[in-house]
Amino acid sequence: MAKMLLLLAAWLLFSPVLPAEAAGPFTIHLPASATGIDPQAVTVVGRTRHHLLKKGDDLLEIARDYGLGYTEIGALYRHWDPFLPPPGVDMVIPTRWIVPNSRGKQIIVNTGEMRLYFFKTPTQVYTFPIGMGVLDFRTPSGTFKVINKKVNPAWHIPKSLQKKYGMAVMPPGEDNPLGEFKLTLSWGDYGIHGTAMPLGVGRLVSHGCTRMYPEHIKKLFPMVPVGASVEYIYEPAKIGFRDGRVFLSVHTDVYFKIRSMLLQVLNMIQQRGLTDQVNMTKVLQTVEEQTGMPVDITGSGGAPDSGWQRPL
């Protein structure tokens, strides 16, 4: 019996996952107060997984297989060649996230971590990685509505790009960068859509739109009603709670909006009244490493939670 349980645990740990599994749904419980630690709060969702690298694996495909954008994997393994990772290594897969406050909206797009959160209900959330605007065409922050849902949308090409493509409107098809589904926002002709270039998810690739893996937009599209409220935020650093403990995740400031990430994080901790309840050594380490993974920063450290150590 013990042997069977061990085999089952190993299978759960190393078994492959379908791309949509990381999406949820996850059950959350927002803190009852804007300060202090609420023992009932649950805003850290998912669980880290493991992947045993084989010859021929590459990090971009691994990211997609686990429902991640490339940056979420790349932040952990910055010194690896993404196309030639070392076979035989047990990789930690960062399929755990801190859910931002919904602010009463149905969709929160956090460009500070390249991830979208869909709140099907106030206590149930799905999450997906995104690709977004390059530095010259940054995806902005703001509040919008879903004003239209399109299947096989045509691409109305910006004037600045019409010469490059030789047309003003690109019809649906495999070359169309919008993919098969588009949620049009009350923001020009911009929206949340699929992509003909899935390896661009988790990167700065678009002219402002939000790109999703084809399998993810296919899952999200039917759940989102016309009129759904959408807010784009920029929060590279987030604080979350689970089991009465405090977690911190810090992502790279890809749009260079944060003057000092350390001061940003310290201010967040102070505003939540947590200064005396966190381990500052862990806070500093999390800010320095910027892996994007939720790290338990409670008190003097407490029980380790993520099980992750930076690879040698």
Foldseek 3Di string as FASTA:
>chain_A
DVVVVVVVVVCVQAPFAAQQPLFDFDFFDDAPDLADFDLPGFQKDDAKGKYQFDPQDFQLVSQSSPQHASLLQCLQVVPADRRGGPGGDIDIHQSMAGHDQCVPFQKEQAPQQQKIWGPLDNGIITMGGKAFADLVQGQDWDKKFQADKAFQDKDQDPPVCCVVVVHRIHGGDLQGQQPGIWRAIPPPRATEGEGSDQNNGNYNDDNHHIYGHPVVCVVVRVSDDGGGMYTYHHDQWDWGDHSRFIWIAGADRNNPPDPDLLVVVVVSCVSNVCPQFFQVVVVVVRHVSRSRHIFTGTHNRPDGDRPDDRDD
